[in-house]
Amino acid sequence: MRQEVRLAGFGGQGIILAGYILGKAAALYDGKEAVLTQSYGPEARGGACAAELLISDDSIDYPMVSNPKLLVLMSQEAFNKYGSAAAEGAQLVVDTDLVESASGKDWLRHIP
């Protein structure tokens, strides 16, 4: 089974680290294959960044995320870029303090 995860936000939020930890945990503790692709701007902090993680029972021959079932979107820019392209049935985790356009959506579930 192939699981695809996309995390996006801005530099300094730990997006890349979170992807790395998730992938490492899947590989070490669950015996899965994992590939992390990361992208970020030249800024040390504050620039857009994303981490795309593939976790699979089998070897991974194509390392790009095409249909993520879990999206973690931690900035308005990330929500604008990836939120509308979420697959049907995908789970979105959104920081509503930083993503104003997500407020009031019927699919939004607040977790205290």
N, C-alpha and C. Protein backbone atom coordinates (compact mmCIF):
# COMPACT_ATOMS: atom_id res chain seq x y z
N MET A 1 0.84 -1.18 0.00
CA MET A 1 0.00 0.00 0.00
C MET A 1 0.89 1.24 0.00
N ARG A 2 0.53 2.21 -0.80
CA ARG A 2 1.31 3.45 -0.94
C ARG A 2 0.56 4.59 -0.26
N GLN A 3 1.23 5.27 0.65
CA GLN A 3 0.68 6.43 1.34
C GLN A 3 1.44 7.67 0.89
N GLU A 4 0.72 8.73 0.56
CA GLU A 4 1.34 9.98 0.13
C GLU A 4 0.94 11.09 1.09
N VAL A 5 1.93 11.85 1.54
CA VAL A 5 1.72 12.94 2.50
C VAL A 5 2.42 14.19 1.97
N ARG A 6 1.74 15.32 2.04
CA ARG A 6 2.36 16.60 1.68
C ARG A 6 2.24 17.54 2.87
N LEU A 7 3.38 18.10 3.29
CA LEU A 7 3.42 19.09 4.35
C LEU A 7 3.94 20.38 3.73
N ALA A 8 3.31 21.50 4.03
CA ALA A 8 3.77 22.76 3.45
C ALA A 8 3.52 23.91 4.42
N GLY A 9 4.38 24.90 4.34
CA GLY A 9 4.29 26.07 5.19
C GLY A 9 5.40 27.03 4.85
N PHE A 10 6.00 27.63 5.87
CA PHE A 10 7.14 28.51 5.62
C PHE A 10 8.30 28.11 6.52
N GLY A 11 9.48 28.52 6.13
CA GLY A 11 10.70 28.15 6.84
C GLY A 11 10.65 28.53 8.30
N GLY A 12 11.12 27.63 9.15
CA GLY A 12 11.13 27.87 10.58
C GLY A 12 10.01 27.17 11.32
N GLN A 13 9.04 26.60 10.59
CA GLN A 13 7.92 25.90 11.23
C GLN A 13 8.22 24.42 11.48
N GLY A 14 9.30 23.91 10.95
CA GLY A 14 9.63 22.50 11.14
C GLY A 14 8.99 21.57 10.13
N ILE A 15 8.59 22.09 8.99
CA ILE A 15 7.93 21.29 7.96
C ILE A 15 8.84 20.18 7.46
N ILE A 16 10.07 20.52 7.09
CA ILE A 16 11.02 19.54 6.57
C ILE A 16 11.35 18.51 7.65
N LEU A 17 11.58 18.97 8.87
CA LEU A 17 11.89 18.07 9.98
C LEU A 17 10.73 17.11 10.24
N ALA A 18 9.51 17.60 10.20
CA ALA A 18 8.34 16.74 10.43
C ALA A 18 8.27 15.64 9.37
N GLY A 19 8.51 16.00 8.12
CA GLY A 19 8.52 14.99 7.06
C GLY A 19 9.61 13.96 7.27
N TYR A 20 10.78 14.43 7.67
CA TYR A 20 11.91 13.53 7.93
C TYR A 20 11.59 12.56 9.06
N ILE A 21 11.03 13.07 10.14
CA ILE A 21 10.70 12.23 11.30
C ILE A 21 9.63 11.20 10.94
N LEU A 22 8.60 11.62 10.21
CA LEU A 22 7.55 10.68 9.80
C LEU A 22 8.11 9.56 8.93
N GLY A 23 8.95 9.93 7.96
CA GLY A 23 9.55 8.94 7.07
C GLY A 23 10.47 7.99 7.81
N LYS A 24 11.29 8.53 8.69
CA LYS A 24 12.22 7.71 9.47
C LYS A 24 11.46 6.74 10.37
N ALA A 25 10.40 7.22 10.99
CA ALA A 25 9.59 6.36 11.87
C ALA A 25 8.94 5.23 11.08
N ALA A 26 8.42 5.53 9.90
CA ALA A 26 7.79 4.50 9.07
C ALA A 26 8.81 3.44 8.64
N ALA A 27 10.01 3.89 8.31
CA ALA A 27 11.05 2.96 7.86
C ALA A 27 11.61 2.12 9.01
N LEU A 28 11.92 2.76 10.12
CA LEU A 28 12.56 2.05 11.23
C LEU A 28 11.59 1.20 12.05
N TYR A 29 10.42 1.73 12.34
CA TYR A 29 9.53 1.06 13.27
C TYR A 29 8.41 0.27 12.62
N ASP A 30 8.15 0.53 11.34
CA ASP A 30 7.07 -0.19 10.66
C ASP A 30 7.58 -1.01 9.48
N GLY A 31 8.88 -0.92 9.20
CA GLY A 31 9.48 -1.71 8.13
C GLY A 31 9.07 -1.30 6.73
N LYS A 32 8.63 -0.07 6.56
CA LYS A 32 8.19 0.43 5.25
C LYS A 32 9.35 1.06 4.49
N GLU A 33 9.14 1.22 3.20
CA GLU A 33 10.04 2.02 2.38
C GLU A 33 9.54 3.46 2.45
N ALA A 34 10.45 4.43 2.50
CA ALA A 34 10.04 5.83 2.59
C ALA A 34 10.98 6.71 1.77
N VAL A 35 10.39 7.69 1.09
CA VAL A 35 11.15 8.66 0.31
C VAL A 35 10.62 10.05 0.66
N LEU A 36 11.53 10.97 0.98
CA LEU A 36 11.17 12.35 1.29
C LEU A 36 11.75 13.26 0.22
N THR A 37 10.89 14.07 -0.38
CA THR A 37 11.32 15.10 -1.32
C THR A 37 11.02 16.43 -0.66
N GLN A 38 12.00 17.32 -0.62
CA GLN A 38 11.81 18.60 0.04
C GLN A 38 12.13 19.75 -0.91
N SER A 39 11.44 20.85 -0.70
CA SER A 39 11.73 22.05 -1.48
C SER A 39 11.60 23.25 -0.57
N TYR A 40 12.46 24.22 -0.78
CA TYR A 40 12.43 25.43 0.04
C TYR A 40 13.14 26.55 -0.70
N GLY A 41 12.83 27.77 -0.33
CA GLY A 41 13.44 28.93 -0.94
C GLY A 41 14.80 29.23 -0.36
N PRO A 42 15.46 30.26 -0.87
CA PRO A 42 16.81 30.59 -0.41
C PRO A 42 16.85 31.28 0.95
N GLU A 43 15.70 31.70 1.46
CA GLU A 43 15.67 32.40 2.74
C GLU A 43 15.96 31.42 3.88
N ALA A 44 16.61 31.90 4.92
CA ALA A 44 16.89 31.06 6.08
C ALA A 44 15.60 30.77 6.85
N ARG A 45 14.74 31.76 6.97
CA ARG A 45 13.45 31.59 7.63
C ARG A 45 12.42 32.43 6.90
N GLY A 46 11.19 31.95 6.89
CA GLY A 46 10.10 32.73 6.34
C GLY A 46 9.75 32.46 4.90
N GLY A 47 10.60 31.79 4.15
CA GLY A 47 10.29 31.46 2.76
C GLY A 47 9.43 30.21 2.67
N ALA A 48 8.75 30.05 1.56
CA ALA A 48 7.90 28.88 1.36
C ALA A 48 8.72 27.59 1.37
N CYS A 49 8.15 26.55 1.95
CA CYS A 49 8.82 25.24 1.94
C CYS A 49 7.77 24.14 1.92
N ALA A 50 8.18 22.98 1.44
CA ALA A 50 7.28 21.83 1.38
C ALA A 50 8.07 20.55 1.54
N ALA A 51 7.43 19.55 2.08
CA ALA A 51 8.01 18.22 2.20
C ALA A 51 6.96 17.24 1.68
N GLU A 52 7.37 16.39 0.76
CA GLU A 52 6.47 15.38 0.21
C GLU A 52 7.01 14.01 0.58
N LEU A 53 6.20 13.21 1.21
CA LEU A 53 6.63 11.93 1.75
C LEU A 53 5.83 10.80 1.13
N LEU A 54 6.54 9.78 0.66
CA LEU A 54 5.92 8.55 0.17
C LEU A 54 6.30 7.42 1.11
N ILE A 55 5.32 6.66 1.53
CA ILE A 55 5.55 5.50 2.38
C ILE A 55 4.88 4.32 1.70
N SER A 56 5.62 3.22 1.54
CA SER A 56 5.09 2.09 0.79
C SER A 56 5.58 0.77 1.36
N ASP A 57 4.77 -0.27 1.16
CA ASP A 57 5.18 -1.63 1.52
C ASP A 57 6.23 -2.14 0.55
N ASP A 58 6.15 -1.70 -0.70
CA ASP A 58 7.06 -2.15 -1.76
C ASP A 58 8.10 -1.07 -2.05
N SER A 59 9.07 -1.40 -2.89
CA SER A 59 10.07 -0.40 -3.28
C SER A 59 9.38 0.73 -4.05
N ILE A 60 9.91 1.93 -3.91
CA ILE A 60 9.31 3.12 -4.52
C ILE A 60 10.07 3.43 -5.80
N ASP A 61 9.38 3.32 -6.93
CA ASP A 61 10.03 3.55 -8.21
C ASP A 61 9.81 4.97 -8.75
N TYR A 62 8.80 5.67 -8.26
CA TYR A 62 8.54 7.04 -8.68
C TYR A 62 8.38 7.89 -7.42
N PRO A 63 9.34 8.78 -7.14
CA PRO A 63 9.37 9.46 -5.83
C PRO A 63 8.56 10.75 -5.72
N MET A 64 7.62 10.98 -6.61
CA MET A 64 6.85 12.22 -6.55
C MET A 64 5.44 11.95 -6.01
N VAL A 65 4.95 12.89 -5.21
CA VAL A 65 3.60 12.80 -4.67
C VAL A 65 2.63 13.30 -5.73
N SER A 66 1.63 12.49 -6.06
CA SER A 66 0.66 12.90 -7.06
C SER A 66 -0.75 13.00 -6.50
N ASN A 67 -1.07 12.23 -5.46
CA ASN A 67 -2.42 12.21 -4.92
C ASN A 67 -2.37 12.03 -3.40
N PRO A 68 -1.91 13.07 -2.67
CA PRO A 68 -1.75 12.91 -1.23
C PRO A 68 -3.08 12.74 -0.50
N LYS A 69 -3.10 11.81 0.43
CA LYS A 69 -4.30 11.58 1.24
C LYS A 69 -4.23 12.34 2.56
N LEU A 70 -3.05 12.90 2.87
CA LEU A 70 -2.89 13.73 4.05
C LEU A 70 -2.12 14.98 3.65
N LEU A 71 -2.71 16.14 3.92
CA LEU A 71 -2.05 17.42 3.67
C LEU A 71 -1.99 18.20 4.97
N VAL A 72 -0.81 18.68 5.30
CA VAL A 72 -0.61 19.53 6.47
C VAL A 72 -0.20 20.89 5.92
N LEU A 73 -1.10 21.87 6.03
CA LEU A 73 -0.89 23.19 5.41
C LEU A 73 -0.82 24.23 6.51
N MET A 74 0.36 24.80 6.69
CA MET A 74 0.64 25.65 7.84
C MET A 74 0.79 27.14 7.50
N SER A 75 0.42 27.54 6.29
CA SER A 75 0.46 28.96 5.93
C SER A 75 -0.59 29.23 4.87
N GLN A 76 -0.97 30.49 4.72
CA GLN A 76 -1.96 30.86 3.71
C GLN A 76 -1.45 30.54 2.31
N GLU A 77 -0.18 30.80 2.06
CA GLU A 77 0.41 30.51 0.75
C GLU A 77 0.33 29.01 0.44
N ALA A 78 0.62 28.17 1.41
CA ALA A 78 0.54 26.72 1.21
C ALA A 78 -0.91 26.29 0.96
N PHE A 79 -1.85 26.87 1.69
CA PHE A 79 -3.26 26.54 1.51
C PHE A 79 -3.73 26.95 0.12
N ASN A 80 -3.32 28.13 -0.33
CA ASN A 80 -3.71 28.59 -1.66
C ASN A 80 -3.15 27.69 -2.75
N LYS A 81 -1.94 27.22 -2.55
CA LYS A 81 -1.27 26.41 -3.57
C LYS A 81 -1.78 24.96 -3.59
N TYR A 82 -1.96 24.35 -2.43
CA TYR A 82 -2.26 22.93 -2.37
C TYR A 82 -3.67 22.58 -1.88
N GLY A 83 -4.34 23.48 -1.19
CA GLY A 83 -5.64 23.17 -0.60
C GLY A 83 -6.71 22.83 -1.61
N SER A 84 -6.77 23.56 -2.71
CA SER A 84 -7.80 23.31 -3.71
C SER A 84 -7.55 22.04 -4.51
N ALA A 85 -6.31 21.56 -4.52
CA ALA A 85 -5.97 20.37 -5.30
C ALA A 85 -6.05 19.10 -4.46
N ALA A 86 -6.60 19.18 -3.27
CA ALA A 86 -6.70 18.01 -2.40
C ALA A 86 -7.63 16.98 -3.02
N ALA A 87 -7.21 15.74 -2.98
CA ALA A 87 -8.02 14.65 -3.53
C ALA A 87 -9.27 14.45 -2.67
N GLU A 88 -10.30 13.91 -3.28
CA GLU A 88 -11.52 13.63 -2.53
C GLU A 88 -11.21 12.61 -1.43
N GLY A 89 -11.66 12.90 -0.25
CA GLY A 89 -11.40 12.02 0.88
C GLY A 89 -10.09 12.29 1.59
N ALA A 90 -9.33 13.27 1.11
CA ALA A 90 -8.05 13.59 1.74
C ALA A 90 -8.30 14.27 3.09
N GLN A 91 -7.37 14.08 4.01
CA GLN A 91 -7.43 14.73 5.31
C GLN A 91 -6.55 15.98 5.26
N LEU A 92 -7.11 17.12 5.62
CA LEU A 92 -6.35 18.36 5.66
C LEU A 92 -6.16 18.79 7.11
N VAL A 93 -4.92 19.09 7.46
CA VAL A 93 -4.60 19.67 8.77
C VAL A 93 -4.15 21.09 8.47
N VAL A 94 -4.87 22.07 9.01
CA VAL A 94 -4.63 23.47 8.67
C VAL A 94 -4.44 24.28 9.94
N ASP A 95 -3.44 25.16 9.94
CA ASP A 95 -3.24 26.09 11.05
C ASP A 95 -4.18 27.28 10.83
N THR A 96 -5.32 27.29 11.51
CA THR A 96 -6.31 28.33 11.28
C THR A 96 -5.89 29.70 11.81
N ASP A 97 -4.83 29.76 12.60
CA ASP A 97 -4.31 31.06 13.02
C ASP A 97 -3.60 31.75 11.86
N LEU A 98 -3.06 30.98 10.93
CA LEU A 98 -2.31 31.54 9.80
C LEU A 98 -3.03 31.41 8.47
N VAL A 99 -4.07 30.58 8.41
CA VAL A 99 -4.80 30.36 7.16
C VAL A 99 -6.21 30.90 7.34
N GLU A 100 -6.41 32.14 6.94
CA GLU A 100 -7.70 32.80 7.16
C GLU A 100 -8.79 32.25 6.26
N SER A 101 -8.47 31.89 5.03
CA SER A 101 -9.50 31.45 4.10
C SER A 101 -10.06 30.08 4.45
N ALA A 102 -9.47 29.38 5.40
CA ALA A 102 -10.00 28.07 5.82
C ALA A 102 -11.08 28.22 6.88
N SER A 103 -11.16 29.36 7.53
CA SER A 103 -12.15 29.56 8.59
C SER A 103 -13.56 29.49 8.04
N GLY A 104 -14.44 28.83 8.76
CA GLY A 104 -15.83 28.76 8.37
C GLY A 104 -16.16 27.69 7.33
N LYS A 105 -15.21 26.92 6.90
CA LYS A 105 -15.46 25.86 5.92
C LYS A 105 -16.19 24.71 6.61
N ASP A 106 -17.10 24.06 5.89
CA ASP A 106 -17.86 22.97 6.50
C ASP A 106 -17.02 21.73 6.75
N TRP A 107 -15.92 21.56 6.03
CA TRP A 107 -15.06 20.39 6.23
C TRP A 107 -14.07 20.59 7.37
N LEU A 108 -14.01 21.80 7.89
CA LEU A 108 -13.03 22.13 8.93
C LEU A 108 -13.50 21.62 10.29
N ARG A 109 -12.65 20.88 10.94
CA ARG A 109 -12.93 20.37 12.28
C ARG A 109 -11.87 20.93 13.21
N HIS A 110 -12.29 21.67 14.22
CA HIS A 110 -11.34 22.27 15.17
C HIS A 110 -10.92 21.25 16.21
N ILE A 111 -9.62 21.18 16.46
CA ILE A 111 -9.08 20.30 17.48
C ILE A 111 -8.40 21.19 18.52
N PRO A 112 -8.91 21.20 19.76
CA PRO A 112 -8.33 22.08 20.78
C PRO A 112 -6.95 21.64 21.20
